[in-house]
Amino acid sequence: MSVHRGRRDDVVRRINDTPGLSCTPPSGGFYAFVNCAGVIGRRTPSGDEIRTGEDFAAHLLESRRVAVIHGAAYGAPGYFRVSFATSHDILTAACEGIARACADLS
């Protein structure tokens, strides 16, 4: 199994275990699309409404939960991307940060 495949499988499992999110990796590439439709309409701890995947990605970055995500997944509303082209430790911390950020939404 390649290093990237191992990272991908771990990220996909962690994201799918997070309430409000789901993740299906594309057949190739070094990233996965994360469907955050389950958090749309919820509010951040500061009271801002999550209206789009871009809003959620911005919240993750602004709250310093994670720094390895990318906003709109090629214009797909309600999605953001997680890249596997980084270390396993950073990806694990990113997934844990994403899960905590989801838990903090109301």
C-alpha atoms as a PDB file:
ATOM      1  CA  MET A   1       0.000   0.000   0.000  1.00  0.00           C
ATOM      2  CA  SER A   2       1.362   3.419  -0.910  1.00  0.00           C
ATOM      3  CA  VAL A   3       1.990   6.057   1.726  1.00  0.00           C
ATOM      4  CA  HIS A   4      -0.668   8.302   0.214  1.00  0.00           C
ATOM      5  CA  ARG A   5      -3.224   5.475   0.116  1.00  0.00           C
ATOM      6  CA  GLY A   6      -2.624   4.814   3.828  1.00  0.00           C
ATOM      7  CA  ARG A   7      -3.075   8.502   4.629  1.00  0.00           C
ATOM      8  CA  ARG A   8      -6.162   8.647   2.429  1.00  0.00           C
ATOM      9  CA  ASP A   9      -7.790   5.643   4.082  1.00  0.00           C
ATOM     10  CA  ASP A  10      -7.122   7.055   7.555  1.00  0.00           C
ATOM     11  CA  VAL A  11      -8.526  10.480   6.640  1.00  0.00           C
ATOM     12  CA  VAL A  12     -11.616   8.957   5.033  1.00  0.00           C
ATOM     13  CA  ARG A  13     -12.285   6.823   8.122  1.00  0.00           C
ATOM     14  CA  ARG A  14     -11.811   9.767  10.500  1.00  0.00           C
ATOM     15  CA  ILE A  15     -14.008  12.103   8.441  1.00  0.00           C
ATOM     16  CA  ASN A  16     -16.771   9.502   8.075  1.00  0.00           C
ATOM     17  CA  ASP A  17     -16.691   9.010  11.863  1.00  0.00           C
ATOM     18  CA  THR A  18     -17.362  12.738  12.381  1.00  0.00           C
ATOM     19  CA  PRO A  19     -21.084  13.590  12.726  1.00  0.00           C
ATOM     20  CA  GLY A  20     -22.210  15.978   9.988  1.00  0.00           C
ATOM     21  CA  LEU A  21     -19.450  15.054   7.533  1.00  0.00           C
ATOM     22  CA  SER A  22     -18.846  12.361   4.958  1.00  0.00           C
ATOM     23  CA  CYS A  23     -15.939  11.724   2.669  1.00  0.00           C
ATOM     24  CA  THR A  24     -15.403   9.757  -0.518  1.00  0.00           C
ATOM     25  CA  PRO A  25     -11.972   9.851  -2.118  1.00  0.00           C
ATOM     26  CA  PRO A  26     -11.693  10.172  -5.890  1.00  0.00           C
ATOM     27  CA  SER A  27     -10.089   7.269  -7.719  1.00  0.00           C
ATOM     28  CA  GLY A  28      -6.865   9.239  -8.145  1.00  0.00           C
ATOM     29  CA  GLY A  29      -5.192  12.330  -6.823  1.00  0.00           C
ATOM     30  CA  PHE A  30      -3.863  13.392  -3.470  1.00  0.00           C
ATOM     31  CA  TYR A  31      -7.016  14.778  -1.875  1.00  0.00           C
ATOM     32  CA  ALA A  32     -10.536  13.825  -0.854  1.00  0.00           C
ATOM     33  CA  PHE A  33     -13.760  15.732  -1.159  1.00  0.00           C
ATOM     34  CA  VAL A  34     -15.462  16.218   2.210  1.00  0.00           C
ATOM     35  CA  ASN A  35     -19.238  16.668   2.111  1.00  0.00           C
ATOM     36  CA  CYS A  36     -20.124  19.079   4.892  1.00  0.00           C
ATOM     37  CA  ALA A  37     -23.839  19.360   4.053  1.00  0.00           C
ATOM     38  CA  GLY A  38     -24.585  18.025   7.541  1.00  0.00           C
ATOM     39  CA  VAL A  39     -23.138  21.165   9.153  1.00  0.00           C
ATOM     40  CA  ILE A  40     -24.793  23.679   6.808  1.00  0.00           C
ATOM     41  CA  GLY A  41     -27.230  25.806   8.785  1.00  0.00           C
ATOM     42  CA  ARG A  42     -25.454  25.255  12.081  1.00  0.00           C
ATOM     43  CA  ARG A  43     -23.773  28.096  13.968  1.00  0.00           C
ATOM     44  CA  THR A  44     -20.191  28.630  15.027  1.00  0.00           C
ATOM     45  CA  PRO A  45     -19.449  29.385  18.695  1.00  0.00           C
ATOM     46  CA  SER A  46     -19.321  33.085  17.742  1.00  0.00           C
ATOM     47  CA  GLY A  47     -22.843  32.862  16.279  1.00  0.00           C
ATOM     48  CA  ASP A  48     -22.004  32.926  12.575  1.00  0.00           C
ATOM     49  CA  GLU A  49     -24.180  30.666  10.428  1.00  0.00           C
ATOM     50  CA  ILE A  50     -22.455  28.062   8.255  1.00  0.00           C
ATOM     51  CA  ARG A  51     -24.152  28.597   4.876  1.00  0.00           C
ATOM     52  CA  THR A  52     -21.712  26.920   2.493  1.00  0.00           C
ATOM     53  CA  GLY A  53     -18.760  24.582   2.410  1.00  0.00           C
ATOM     54  CA  GLU A  54     -16.604  27.666   1.960  1.00  0.00           C
ATOM     55  CA  ASP A  55     -18.018  29.092   5.207  1.00  0.00           C
ATOM     56  CA  PHE A  56     -17.108  25.913   7.051  1.00  0.00           C
ATOM     57  CA  ALA A  57     -13.626  25.828   5.525  1.00  0.00           C
ATOM     58  CA  ALA A  58     -13.129  29.467   6.520  1.00  0.00           C
ATOM     59  CA  HIS A  59     -14.325  28.697  10.052  1.00  0.00           C
ATOM     60  CA  LEU A  60     -11.826  25.852  10.335  1.00  0.00           C
ATOM     61  CA  LEU A  61      -8.991  28.102   9.195  1.00  0.00           C
ATOM     62  CA  GLU A  62     -10.030  31.113  11.289  1.00  0.00           C
ATOM     63  CA  SER A  63     -10.437  29.048  14.436  1.00  0.00           C
ATOM     64  CA  ARG A  64      -6.993  27.562  13.777  1.00  0.00           C
ATOM     65  CA  ARG A  65      -8.466  24.066  13.890  1.00  0.00           C
ATOM     66  CA  VAL A  66      -6.730  22.973  10.734  1.00  0.00           C
ATOM     67  CA  ALA A  67      -4.462  24.443   8.075  1.00  0.00           C
ATOM     68  CA  VAL A  68      -4.438  21.707   5.409  1.00  0.00           C
ATOM     69  CA  ILE A  69      -7.863  22.164   3.876  1.00  0.00           C
ATOM     70  CA  HIS A  70      -8.946  23.968   0.758  1.00  0.00           C
ATOM     71  CA  GLY A  71     -12.219  25.828   0.245  1.00  0.00           C
ATOM     72  CA  ALA A  72     -14.685  25.039  -2.515  1.00  0.00           C
ATOM     73  CA  ALA A  73     -13.915  21.736  -4.156  1.00  0.00           C
ATOM     74  CA  TYR A  74     -13.753  22.937  -7.744  1.00  0.00           C
ATOM     75  CA  GLY A  75     -17.018  24.825  -7.346  1.00  0.00           C
ATOM     76  CA  ALA A  76     -18.911  21.962  -5.703  1.00  0.00           C
ATOM     77  CA  PRO A  77     -21.140  23.678  -3.101  1.00  0.00           C
ATOM     78  CA  GLY A  78     -21.127  22.040   0.303  1.00  0.00           C
ATOM     79  CA  TYR A  79     -17.731  20.417  -0.136  1.00  0.00           C
ATOM     80  CA  PHE A  80     -14.144  21.170   0.775  1.00  0.00           C
ATOM     81  CA  ARG A  81     -10.937  19.260   0.110  1.00  0.00           C
ATOM     82  CA  VAL A  82      -8.393  17.621   2.389  1.00  0.00           C
ATOM     83  CA  SER A  83      -4.986  16.986   0.851  1.00  0.00           C
ATOM     84  CA  PHE A  84      -2.981  13.812   1.508  1.00  0.00           C
ATOM     85  CA  ALA A  85       0.274  15.387   0.268  1.00  0.00           C
ATOM     86  CA  THR A  86       1.433  16.095   3.804  1.00  0.00           C
ATOM     87  CA  SER A  87       2.590  14.101   6.807  1.00  0.00           C
ATOM     88  CA  HIS A  88       0.422  11.561   8.590  1.00  0.00           C
ATOM     89  CA  ASP A  89       0.815  13.445  11.885  1.00  0.00           C
ATOM     90  CA  ILE A  90      -0.422  16.689  10.341  1.00  0.00           C
ATOM     91  CA  LEU A  91      -3.368  14.911   8.709  1.00  0.00           C
ATOM     92  CA  THR A  92      -4.287  13.209  11.989  1.00  0.00           C
ATOM     93  CA  ALA A  93      -4.193  16.541  13.827  1.00  0.00           C
ATOM     94  CA  ALA A  94      -6.249  18.124  11.017  1.00  0.00           C
ATOM     95  CA  CYS A  95      -8.931  15.433  11.242  1.00  0.00           C
ATOM     96  CA  GLU A  96      -9.060  15.782  15.014  1.00  0.00           C
ATOM     97  CA  GLY A  97      -9.400  19.557  14.630  1.00  0.00           C
ATOM     98  CA  ILE A  98     -12.203  19.158  12.093  1.00  0.00           C
ATOM     99  CA  ALA A  99     -14.040  16.780  14.446  1.00  0.00           C
ATOM    100  CA  ARG A 100     -13.681  19.230  17.370  1.00  0.00           C
ATOM    101  CA  ALA A 101     -14.878  22.119  15.185  1.00  0.00           C
ATOM    102  CA  CYS A 102     -17.978  20.099  14.207  1.00  0.00           C
ATOM    103  CA  ALA A 103     -18.664  19.261  17.854  1.00  0.00           C
ATOM    104  CA  ASP A 104     -18.443  22.982  18.729  1.00  0.00           C
ATOM    105  CA  LEU A 105     -21.174  23.965  16.229  1.00  0.00           C
ATOM    106  CA  SER A 106     -24.678  24.552  17.556  1.00  0.00           C
END
